[in-house]
């Protein structure tokens, strides 16, 4: 019986980390190494029509910039936005552990499939979350949501991103 309980606990702990994977990227020219932690690929809650019916997304955390970026295979977002040079600032809706945050500003470079959350948003909203749901409108086909299990991200960050302890921002949030 004890072995069965131990096996069950181990399988639960390993499945928690299974949604995220670590990749090491070496830049031979710059002679630098950076670590990225990638989420699993997720599909939108409702499929889009052809030719966009294969849409999917993933998040990744860069240990160098300490920020989260979302890659969406189908961008052409129809959300409120502003431009500054080649950077597009898009307002999206975000649900973090059931709490809705409307008009969260993210950046997107010209012709890019990547939506970047700034470091402050990453630290305050995303890193301590258990679940993040991102809402986007692609190609004017209506709102689609992408749900990400965030558990398993912080343990990889602590072990692989030169962090000595998990990020905790409760004192920062409470002080405002």
N, C-alpha and C. Protein backbone atom coordinates (compact mmCIF):
# COMPACT_ATOMS: atom_id res chain seq x y z
N UNK A 1 0.81 -1.19 0.00
CA UNK A 1 0.00 0.00 0.00
C UNK A 1 0.86 1.26 0.00
N UNK A 2 1.93 1.25 0.82
CA UNK A 2 2.82 2.41 0.87
C UNK A 2 3.48 2.65 -0.48
N UNK A 3 3.84 1.58 -1.15
CA UNK A 3 4.48 1.71 -2.46
C UNK A 3 3.50 2.31 -3.47
N UNK A 4 2.25 1.92 -3.39
CA UNK A 4 1.23 2.44 -4.30
C UNK A 4 1.04 3.94 -4.07
N UNK A 5 0.97 4.37 -2.82
CA UNK A 5 0.82 5.80 -2.51
C UNK A 5 2.04 6.57 -2.97
N UNK A 6 3.24 6.03 -2.73
CA UNK A 6 4.47 6.69 -3.17
C UNK A 6 4.50 6.81 -4.69
N UNK A 7 4.13 5.76 -5.39
CA UNK A 7 4.09 5.79 -6.85
C UNK A 7 3.08 6.83 -7.34
N UNK A 8 1.93 6.91 -6.71
CA UNK A 8 0.91 7.90 -7.08
C UNK A 8 1.43 9.32 -6.88
N UNK A 9 2.07 9.58 -5.74
CA UNK A 9 2.62 10.91 -5.47
C UNK A 9 3.71 11.28 -6.47
N UNK A 10 4.57 10.34 -6.80
CA UNK A 10 5.63 10.61 -7.79
C UNK A 10 5.04 10.90 -9.16
N UNK A 11 4.03 10.16 -9.56
CA UNK A 11 3.43 10.40 -10.88
C UNK A 11 2.75 11.76 -10.93
N UNK A 12 2.14 12.19 -9.83
CA UNK A 12 1.52 13.52 -9.79
C UNK A 12 2.58 14.60 -9.90
N UNK A 13 3.68 14.46 -9.17
CA UNK A 13 4.72 15.49 -9.21
C UNK A 13 5.38 15.56 -10.57
N UNK A 14 5.59 14.43 -11.24
CA UNK A 14 6.18 14.47 -12.57
C UNK A 14 5.22 15.04 -13.60
N UNK A 15 3.93 14.76 -13.46
CA UNK A 15 2.98 15.29 -14.42
C UNK A 15 2.84 16.80 -14.29
N UNK A 16 3.08 17.35 -13.09
CA UNK A 16 3.03 18.79 -12.89
C UNK A 16 4.07 19.48 -13.75
N UNK A 17 5.25 18.88 -13.88
CA UNK A 17 6.33 19.49 -14.64
C UNK A 17 6.25 19.17 -16.13
N UNK A 18 5.41 18.22 -16.49
CA UNK A 18 5.37 17.74 -17.87
C UNK A 18 4.88 18.81 -18.86
N UNK A 19 4.14 19.82 -18.37
CA UNK A 19 3.64 20.85 -19.27
C UNK A 19 4.72 21.82 -19.72
N UNK A 20 5.87 21.81 -19.06
CA UNK A 20 6.94 22.76 -19.36
C UNK A 20 8.23 22.00 -19.63
N UNK A 21 9.03 22.48 -20.59
CA UNK A 21 10.31 21.84 -20.88
C UNK A 21 11.39 22.91 -21.02
N UNK A 22 12.59 22.56 -20.65
CA UNK A 22 13.72 23.47 -20.67
C UNK A 22 14.54 23.24 -21.94
N UNK A 23 14.96 24.32 -22.59
CA UNK A 23 15.86 24.22 -23.74
C UNK A 23 17.02 25.18 -23.56
N UNK A 24 18.19 24.71 -23.90
CA UNK A 24 19.40 25.52 -23.85
C UNK A 24 19.72 25.96 -25.28
N UNK A 25 19.94 27.25 -25.46
CA UNK A 25 20.30 27.78 -26.78
C UNK A 25 21.67 28.45 -26.68
N UNK A 26 22.58 28.01 -27.53
CA UNK A 26 23.94 28.55 -27.52
C UNK A 26 24.11 29.43 -28.76
N UNK A 27 24.56 30.64 -28.54
CA UNK A 27 24.87 31.57 -29.63
C UNK A 27 26.38 31.56 -29.81
N UNK A 28 26.84 30.90 -30.87
CA UNK A 28 28.27 30.77 -31.11
C UNK A 28 28.93 32.11 -31.39
N UNK A 29 28.23 33.00 -32.06
CA UNK A 29 28.81 34.29 -32.40
C UNK A 29 28.98 35.16 -31.16
N UNK A 30 27.92 35.27 -30.37
CA UNK A 30 27.97 36.07 -29.14
C UNK A 30 28.69 35.34 -28.01
N UNK A 31 28.86 34.03 -28.18
CA UNK A 31 29.46 33.18 -27.15
C UNK A 31 28.68 33.26 -25.84
N UNK A 32 27.37 33.13 -25.97
CA UNK A 32 26.50 33.16 -24.80
C UNK A 32 25.58 31.94 -24.82
N UNK A 33 25.09 31.61 -23.66
CA UNK A 33 24.11 30.54 -23.52
C UNK A 33 22.89 31.11 -22.83
N UNK A 34 21.72 30.82 -23.36
CA UNK A 34 20.49 31.25 -22.73
C UNK A 34 19.59 30.03 -22.57
N UNK A 35 18.77 30.08 -21.53
CA UNK A 35 17.83 29.01 -21.27
C UNK A 35 16.42 29.54 -21.47
N UNK A 36 15.61 28.70 -22.10
CA UNK A 36 14.21 29.01 -22.33
C UNK A 36 13.38 27.87 -21.78
N UNK A 37 12.25 28.21 -21.16
CA UNK A 37 11.35 27.21 -20.63
C UNK A 37 10.04 27.33 -21.41
N UNK A 38 9.67 26.26 -22.12
CA UNK A 38 8.53 26.27 -23.03
C UNK A 38 7.34 25.52 -22.46
N UNK A 39 6.15 26.07 -22.68
CA UNK A 39 4.92 25.37 -22.30
C UNK A 39 4.56 24.38 -23.41
N UNK A 40 3.56 23.59 -23.14
CA UNK A 40 3.04 22.73 -24.19
C UNK A 40 2.28 23.59 -25.21
N UNK A 41 2.09 23.06 -26.41
CA UNK A 41 1.29 23.75 -27.42
C UNK A 41 -0.18 23.51 -27.10
N UNK A 42 -0.96 24.58 -27.15
CA UNK A 42 -2.40 24.47 -26.88
C UNK A 42 -3.19 25.01 -28.06
N UNK A 43 -4.38 24.48 -28.22
CA UNK A 43 -5.28 24.93 -29.29
C UNK A 43 -6.29 25.90 -28.69
N UNK A 44 -6.89 26.74 -29.52
CA UNK A 44 -7.93 27.63 -29.00
C UNK A 44 -9.15 26.84 -28.55
N UNK A 45 -9.97 27.47 -27.72
CA UNK A 45 -11.17 26.80 -27.20
C UNK A 45 -12.16 26.46 -28.31
N UNK A 46 -12.18 27.24 -29.40
CA UNK A 46 -13.05 26.94 -30.54
C UNK A 46 -12.18 26.97 -31.80
N UNK A 47 -12.35 25.99 -32.68
CA UNK A 47 -11.54 26.01 -33.91
C UNK A 47 -11.92 27.19 -34.80
N UNK A 48 -10.97 27.64 -35.58
CA UNK A 48 -11.24 28.70 -36.55
C UNK A 48 -11.51 28.05 -37.91
N UNK A 49 -12.03 28.83 -38.81
CA UNK A 49 -12.33 28.28 -40.14
C UNK A 49 -11.06 28.18 -40.98
N UNK A 50 -11.17 27.38 -42.04
CA UNK A 50 -10.04 27.19 -42.95
C UNK A 50 -9.68 28.53 -43.57
N UNK A 51 -8.47 28.91 -43.78
CA UNK A 51 -7.23 28.13 -43.67
C UNK A 51 -6.54 28.28 -42.33
N UNK A 52 -7.25 28.79 -41.33
CA UNK A 52 -6.65 29.06 -40.02
C UNK A 52 -7.01 28.00 -38.99
N UNK A 53 -7.53 26.86 -39.44
CA UNK A 53 -8.04 25.84 -38.53
C UNK A 53 -6.96 25.08 -37.77
N UNK A 54 -5.71 25.32 -38.05
CA UNK A 54 -4.62 24.63 -37.36
C UNK A 54 -3.95 25.53 -36.31
N UNK A 55 -4.63 26.56 -35.89
CA UNK A 55 -4.05 27.52 -34.94
C UNK A 55 -3.66 26.83 -33.64
N UNK A 56 -2.51 27.24 -33.09
CA UNK A 56 -2.09 26.80 -31.77
C UNK A 56 -1.16 27.86 -31.20
N UNK A 57 -0.85 27.72 -29.94
CA UNK A 57 0.00 28.71 -29.26
C UNK A 57 0.81 28.02 -28.18
N UNK A 58 1.89 28.69 -27.79
CA UNK A 58 2.66 28.25 -26.64
C UNK A 58 3.28 29.47 -25.97
N UNK A 59 3.63 29.32 -24.70
CA UNK A 59 4.33 30.36 -23.95
C UNK A 59 5.77 29.92 -23.76
N UNK A 60 6.66 30.90 -23.65
CA UNK A 60 8.00 30.57 -23.19
C UNK A 60 8.54 31.66 -22.29
N UNK A 61 9.35 31.23 -21.33
CA UNK A 61 10.00 32.13 -20.38
C UNK A 61 11.48 32.16 -20.73
N UNK A 62 12.02 33.37 -20.90
CA UNK A 62 13.44 33.54 -21.18
C UNK A 62 14.15 33.81 -19.86
N UNK A 63 15.12 32.97 -19.54
CA UNK A 63 15.88 33.17 -18.30
C UNK A 63 16.74 34.44 -18.38
N UNK A 64 17.07 34.89 -19.58
CA UNK A 64 17.89 36.09 -19.72
C UNK A 64 17.08 37.36 -19.48
N UNK A 65 15.92 37.48 -20.11
CA UNK A 65 15.11 38.70 -19.97
C UNK A 65 14.12 38.61 -18.83
N UNK A 66 13.90 37.42 -18.28
CA UNK A 66 12.96 37.19 -17.18
C UNK A 66 11.54 37.62 -17.56
N UNK A 67 11.16 37.35 -18.81
CA UNK A 67 9.81 37.70 -19.25
C UNK A 67 9.21 36.55 -20.04
N UNK A 68 7.88 36.60 -20.18
CA UNK A 68 7.14 35.56 -20.89
C UNK A 68 6.71 36.09 -22.25
N UNK A 69 6.82 35.23 -23.25
CA UNK A 69 6.40 35.54 -24.60
C UNK A 69 5.43 34.45 -25.05
N UNK A 70 4.44 34.85 -25.85
CA UNK A 70 3.48 33.90 -26.41
C UNK A 70 3.69 33.83 -27.90
N UNK A 71 3.77 32.62 -28.43
CA UNK A 71 3.84 32.42 -29.88
C UNK A 71 2.50 31.92 -30.36
N UNK A 72 1.95 32.58 -31.36
CA UNK A 72 0.64 32.20 -31.92
C UNK A 72 0.85 31.94 -33.41
N UNK A 73 0.47 30.76 -33.88
CA UNK A 73 0.69 30.44 -35.29
C UNK A 73 -0.19 31.26 -36.21
N UNK A 74 -1.30 31.75 -35.72
CA UNK A 74 -2.18 32.60 -36.52
C UNK A 74 -2.26 33.93 -35.82
N UNK A 75 -1.51 34.95 -36.29
CA UNK A 75 -1.56 36.21 -35.57
C UNK A 75 -2.68 37.08 -36.10
N UNK A 76 -2.47 38.00 -36.99
CA UNK A 76 -3.47 38.93 -37.52
C UNK A 76 -4.55 39.22 -36.48
N UNK A 77 -4.11 39.75 -35.35
CA UNK A 77 -5.02 39.99 -34.24
C UNK A 77 -5.88 41.22 -34.49
N UNK A 78 -7.17 41.08 -34.20
CA UNK A 78 -8.11 42.17 -34.34
C UNK A 78 -8.46 42.62 -32.92
N UNK A 79 -7.55 43.30 -32.30
CA UNK A 79 -7.73 43.82 -30.95
C UNK A 79 -7.39 45.30 -30.99
N UNK A 80 -7.77 46.04 -29.96
CA UNK A 80 -7.40 47.44 -29.87
C UNK A 80 -5.87 47.53 -29.86
N UNK A 81 -5.31 48.39 -30.71
CA UNK A 81 -3.86 48.46 -30.78
C UNK A 81 -3.37 49.86 -31.15
N UNK A 82 -2.10 50.10 -30.89
CA UNK A 82 -1.39 51.32 -31.26
C UNK A 82 -0.04 50.90 -31.81
N UNK A 83 0.54 51.79 -32.63
CA UNK A 83 1.85 51.50 -33.21
C UNK A 83 2.86 52.56 -32.80
N UNK A 84 4.10 52.13 -32.62
CA UNK A 84 5.22 53.04 -32.43
C UNK A 84 6.38 52.45 -33.21
N UNK A 85 6.66 53.01 -34.38
CA UNK A 85 7.68 52.43 -35.25
C UNK A 85 7.24 51.06 -35.72
N UNK A 86 8.11 50.07 -35.53
CA UNK A 86 7.80 48.70 -35.93
C UNK A 86 7.17 47.87 -34.81
N UNK A 87 6.83 48.51 -33.70
CA UNK A 87 6.25 47.79 -32.57
C UNK A 87 4.76 48.10 -32.47
N UNK A 88 3.99 47.05 -32.33
CA UNK A 88 2.55 47.16 -32.16
C UNK A 88 2.22 46.88 -30.71
N UNK A 89 1.44 47.74 -30.09
CA UNK A 89 0.99 47.56 -28.71
C UNK A 89 -0.47 47.14 -28.75
N UNK A 90 -0.74 45.93 -28.27
CA UNK A 90 -2.06 45.33 -28.39
C UNK A 90 -2.67 45.17 -27.00
N UNK A 91 -3.95 45.49 -26.88
CA UNK A 91 -4.66 45.25 -25.63
C UNK A 91 -5.39 43.91 -25.74
N UNK A 92 -5.08 43.02 -24.81
CA UNK A 92 -5.72 41.71 -24.79
C UNK A 92 -6.37 41.51 -23.43
N UNK A 93 -7.19 40.47 -23.33
CA UNK A 93 -7.78 40.09 -22.05
C UNK A 93 -7.04 38.86 -21.52
N UNK A 94 -6.87 38.85 -20.22
CA UNK A 94 -6.07 37.82 -19.58
C UNK A 94 -6.81 37.38 -18.32
N UNK A 95 -6.90 36.07 -18.10
CA UNK A 95 -7.49 35.56 -16.87
C UNK A 95 -6.41 34.78 -16.12
N UNK A 96 -6.12 35.23 -14.91
CA UNK A 96 -5.09 34.60 -14.09
C UNK A 96 -5.74 34.01 -12.86
N UNK A 97 -5.74 32.68 -12.77
CA UNK A 97 -6.37 31.97 -11.64
C UNK A 97 -7.80 32.46 -11.40
N UNK A 98 -8.54 32.65 -12.47
CA UNK A 98 -9.95 33.04 -12.39
C UNK A 98 -10.21 34.53 -12.30
N UNK A 99 -9.18 35.34 -12.14
CA UNK A 99 -9.34 36.80 -12.05
C UNK A 99 -9.09 37.39 -13.44
N UNK A 100 -10.06 38.13 -13.96
CA UNK A 100 -9.97 38.70 -15.30
C UNK A 100 -9.26 40.05 -15.26
N UNK A 101 -8.29 40.21 -16.15
CA UNK A 101 -7.58 41.48 -16.34
C UNK A 101 -7.87 41.92 -17.78
N UNK A 102 -8.58 43.02 -17.92
CA UNK A 102 -8.94 43.50 -19.26
C UNK A 102 -7.93 44.53 -19.74
N UNK A 103 -7.77 44.59 -21.05
CA UNK A 103 -6.90 45.57 -21.71
C UNK A 103 -5.46 45.53 -21.20
N UNK A 104 -4.92 44.32 -21.11
CA UNK A 104 -3.52 44.15 -20.75
C UNK A 104 -2.70 44.43 -22.01
N UNK A 105 -1.76 45.34 -21.92
CA UNK A 105 -0.97 45.73 -23.08
C UNK A 105 0.20 44.78 -23.27
N UNK A 106 0.32 44.25 -24.49
CA UNK A 106 1.45 43.40 -24.88
C UNK A 106 2.06 44.00 -26.14
N UNK A 107 3.30 43.60 -26.44
CA UNK A 107 3.99 44.12 -27.62
C UNK A 107 4.12 43.03 -28.68
N UNK A 108 4.11 43.47 -29.94
CA UNK A 108 4.33 42.56 -31.05
C UNK A 108 5.16 43.31 -32.08
N UNK A 109 6.29 42.72 -32.47
CA UNK A 109 7.11 43.32 -33.50
C UNK A 109 6.45 43.13 -34.86
N UNK A 110 6.77 44.00 -35.81
CA UNK A 110 6.19 43.96 -37.15
C UNK A 110 6.37 42.58 -37.77
N UNK A 111 5.29 42.01 -38.29
CA UNK A 111 5.25 40.70 -38.95
C UNK A 111 5.71 39.54 -38.07
N UNK A 112 5.54 39.66 -36.77
CA UNK A 112 5.99 38.62 -35.85
C UNK A 112 4.81 37.79 -35.36
N UNK A 113 5.07 36.54 -35.03
CA UNK A 113 4.07 35.67 -34.42
C UNK A 113 4.18 35.68 -32.91
N UNK A 114 5.03 36.54 -32.35
CA UNK A 114 5.29 36.55 -30.92
C UNK A 114 4.67 37.77 -30.25
N UNK A 115 3.99 37.53 -29.14
CA UNK A 115 3.39 38.57 -28.32
C UNK A 115 4.18 38.58 -27.02
N UNK A 116 4.73 39.72 -26.66
CA UNK A 116 5.62 39.79 -25.51
C UNK A 116 4.96 40.51 -24.34
N UNK A 117 4.96 39.85 -23.19
CA UNK A 117 4.53 40.47 -21.95
C UNK A 117 5.74 41.16 -21.36
N UNK A 118 5.56 42.36 -20.81
CA UNK A 118 6.73 43.01 -20.22
C UNK A 118 7.09 42.33 -18.91
N UNK A 119 8.29 42.62 -18.44
CA UNK A 119 8.82 41.95 -17.25
C UNK A 119 7.93 42.17 -16.03
N UNK A 120 7.39 43.37 -15.88
CA UNK A 120 6.52 43.66 -14.75
C UNK A 120 5.26 42.81 -14.75
N UNK A 121 4.62 42.66 -15.93
CA UNK A 121 3.43 41.81 -16.04
C UNK A 121 3.78 40.37 -15.74
N UNK A 122 4.92 39.93 -16.26
CA UNK A 122 5.35 38.56 -16.02
C UNK A 122 5.50 38.32 -14.53
N UNK A 123 6.19 39.22 -13.85
CA UNK A 123 6.44 39.03 -12.42
C UNK A 123 5.18 39.15 -11.59
N UNK A 124 4.35 40.16 -11.86
CA UNK A 124 3.18 40.41 -11.01
C UNK A 124 2.03 39.45 -11.26
N UNK A 125 1.81 39.09 -12.52
CA UNK A 125 0.60 38.33 -12.83
C UNK A 125 0.84 36.88 -13.19
N UNK A 126 1.89 36.58 -13.93
CA UNK A 126 1.97 35.28 -14.57
C UNK A 126 2.76 34.22 -13.81
N UNK A 127 3.86 34.60 -13.18
CA UNK A 127 4.74 33.60 -12.59
C UNK A 127 4.14 32.85 -11.41
N UNK A 128 3.32 33.49 -10.62
CA UNK A 128 2.73 32.84 -9.46
C UNK A 128 1.40 32.17 -9.76
N UNK A 129 0.97 32.22 -11.00
CA UNK A 129 -0.34 31.67 -11.37
C UNK A 129 -0.31 30.15 -11.49
N UNK A 130 -1.46 29.56 -11.30
CA UNK A 130 -1.63 28.13 -11.56
C UNK A 130 -2.17 27.92 -12.97
N UNK A 131 -3.01 28.88 -13.42
CA UNK A 131 -3.57 28.80 -14.77
C UNK A 131 -3.68 30.21 -15.35
N UNK A 132 -3.30 30.33 -16.61
CA UNK A 132 -3.42 31.59 -17.34
C UNK A 132 -4.24 31.32 -18.60
N UNK A 133 -5.25 32.14 -18.82
CA UNK A 133 -6.07 32.04 -20.02
C UNK A 133 -5.93 33.36 -20.78
N UNK A 134 -5.53 33.27 -22.04
CA UNK A 134 -5.31 34.45 -22.87
C UNK A 134 -6.38 34.47 -23.95
N UNK A 135 -7.04 35.63 -24.11
CA UNK A 135 -8.12 35.77 -25.08
C UNK A 135 -7.66 36.64 -26.24
N UNK A 136 -7.80 36.13 -27.47
CA UNK A 136 -7.39 36.83 -28.68
C UNK A 136 -8.47 36.71 -29.75
N UNK A 137 -8.52 37.69 -30.64
CA UNK A 137 -9.42 37.65 -31.79
C UNK A 137 -8.55 37.62 -33.04
N UNK A 138 -8.52 36.48 -33.73
CA UNK A 138 -7.73 36.33 -34.95
C UNK A 138 -8.60 36.51 -36.18
N UNK A 139 -8.12 37.23 -37.15
CA UNK A 139 -8.77 37.32 -38.46
C UNK A 139 -10.26 37.64 -38.36
N UNK A 140 -10.66 38.35 -37.33
CA UNK A 140 -12.05 38.74 -37.12
C UNK A 140 -13.00 37.54 -37.05
N UNK A 141 -12.49 36.43 -36.52
CA UNK A 141 -13.32 35.23 -36.38
C UNK A 141 -13.90 35.08 -34.98
N UNK A 142 -13.78 36.12 -34.18
CA UNK A 142 -14.32 36.08 -32.82
C UNK A 142 -13.26 35.73 -31.79
N UNK A 143 -13.61 35.96 -30.54
CA UNK A 143 -12.67 35.72 -29.45
C UNK A 143 -12.37 34.23 -29.29
N UNK A 144 -11.10 33.92 -29.13
CA UNK A 144 -10.64 32.57 -28.84
C UNK A 144 -9.80 32.63 -27.57
N UNK A 145 -9.88 31.59 -26.76
CA UNK A 145 -9.07 31.56 -25.55
C UNK A 145 -8.06 30.42 -25.62
N UNK A 146 -6.91 30.66 -25.03
CA UNK A 146 -5.83 29.68 -24.92
C UNK A 146 -5.53 29.51 -23.44
N UNK A 147 -5.67 28.28 -22.92
CA UNK A 147 -5.47 28.01 -21.50
C UNK A 147 -4.13 27.33 -21.28
N UNK A 148 -3.36 27.88 -20.33
CA UNK A 148 -2.03 27.35 -20.03
C UNK A 148 -1.94 26.97 -18.56
N UNK A 149 -1.48 25.75 -18.30
CA UNK A 149 -1.19 25.29 -16.95
C UNK A 149 0.19 25.84 -16.59
N UNK A 150 0.26 26.72 -15.60
CA UNK A 150 1.51 27.39 -15.24
C UNK A 150 2.30 26.63 -14.17
N UNK A 151 1.69 25.61 -13.57
CA UNK A 151 2.41 24.85 -12.56
C UNK A 151 3.56 24.11 -13.23
N UNK A 152 4.68 24.09 -12.59
CA UNK A 152 5.86 23.44 -13.16
C UNK A 152 6.84 24.44 -13.74
N UNK A 153 6.39 25.66 -14.02
CA UNK A 153 7.30 26.68 -14.56
C UNK A 153 8.30 27.14 -13.50
N UNK A 154 7.82 27.53 -12.33
CA UNK A 154 8.72 28.09 -11.31
C UNK A 154 9.78 27.10 -10.83
N UNK A 155 9.46 25.81 -10.63
CA UNK A 155 10.54 24.89 -10.24
C UNK A 155 11.66 24.80 -11.29
N UNK A 156 11.31 24.85 -12.56
CA UNK A 156 12.34 24.85 -13.60
C UNK A 156 13.14 26.13 -13.56
N UNK A 157 12.48 27.24 -13.27
CA UNK A 157 13.18 28.53 -13.19
C UNK A 157 14.19 28.51 -12.05
N UNK A 158 13.78 27.98 -10.91
CA UNK A 158 14.66 27.94 -9.75
C UNK A 158 15.88 27.06 -10.04
N UNK A 159 15.65 25.94 -10.69
CA UNK A 159 16.73 25.00 -10.94
C UNK A 159 17.61 25.37 -12.12
N UNK A 160 17.09 26.09 -13.11
CA UNK A 160 17.84 26.31 -14.33
C UNK A 160 18.09 27.76 -14.70
N UNK A 161 17.48 28.70 -14.03
CA UNK A 161 17.63 30.11 -14.40
C UNK A 161 18.46 30.89 -13.39
N UNK A 162 19.29 30.21 -12.63
CA UNK A 162 20.17 30.85 -11.66
C UNK A 162 19.40 31.61 -10.59
N UNK A 163 18.22 31.14 -10.26
CA UNK A 163 17.46 31.75 -9.18
C UNK A 163 17.65 30.91 -7.94
N UNK A 164 17.84 31.54 -6.82
CA UNK A 164 18.08 30.80 -5.59
C UNK A 164 16.79 30.42 -4.88
N UNK A 165 15.70 31.12 -5.19
CA UNK A 165 14.42 30.79 -4.58
C UNK A 165 13.30 31.18 -5.55
N UNK A 166 12.13 30.57 -5.38
CA UNK A 166 11.03 30.92 -6.28
C UNK A 166 10.65 32.39 -6.15
N UNK A 167 10.19 32.97 -7.25
CA UNK A 167 9.71 34.35 -7.22
C UNK A 167 8.48 34.41 -6.33
N UNK A 168 8.45 35.36 -5.42
CA UNK A 168 7.24 35.64 -4.66
C UNK A 168 7.05 37.14 -4.67
N UNK A 169 5.94 37.58 -5.17
CA UNK A 169 5.69 38.98 -5.34
C UNK A 169 4.51 39.46 -4.50
N UNK A 170 4.12 38.69 -3.51
CA UNK A 170 2.97 39.10 -2.71
C UNK A 170 3.26 40.40 -1.98
N UNK A 171 4.46 40.60 -1.45
CA UNK A 171 4.76 41.85 -0.75
C UNK A 171 4.77 43.02 -1.71
N UNK A 172 5.23 42.80 -2.94
CA UNK A 172 5.24 43.85 -3.95
C UNK A 172 3.81 44.25 -4.32
N UNK A 173 2.96 43.26 -4.52
CA UNK A 173 1.58 43.52 -4.90
C UNK A 173 0.84 44.21 -3.75
N UNK A 174 1.05 43.73 -2.52
CA UNK A 174 0.34 44.30 -1.38
C UNK A 174 0.79 45.71 -1.05
N UNK A 175 2.00 46.09 -1.46
CA UNK A 175 2.50 47.41 -1.10
C UNK A 175 1.96 48.51 -2.00
N UNK A 176 1.22 48.17 -3.04
CA UNK A 176 0.70 49.19 -3.96
C UNK A 176 -0.71 49.57 -3.62
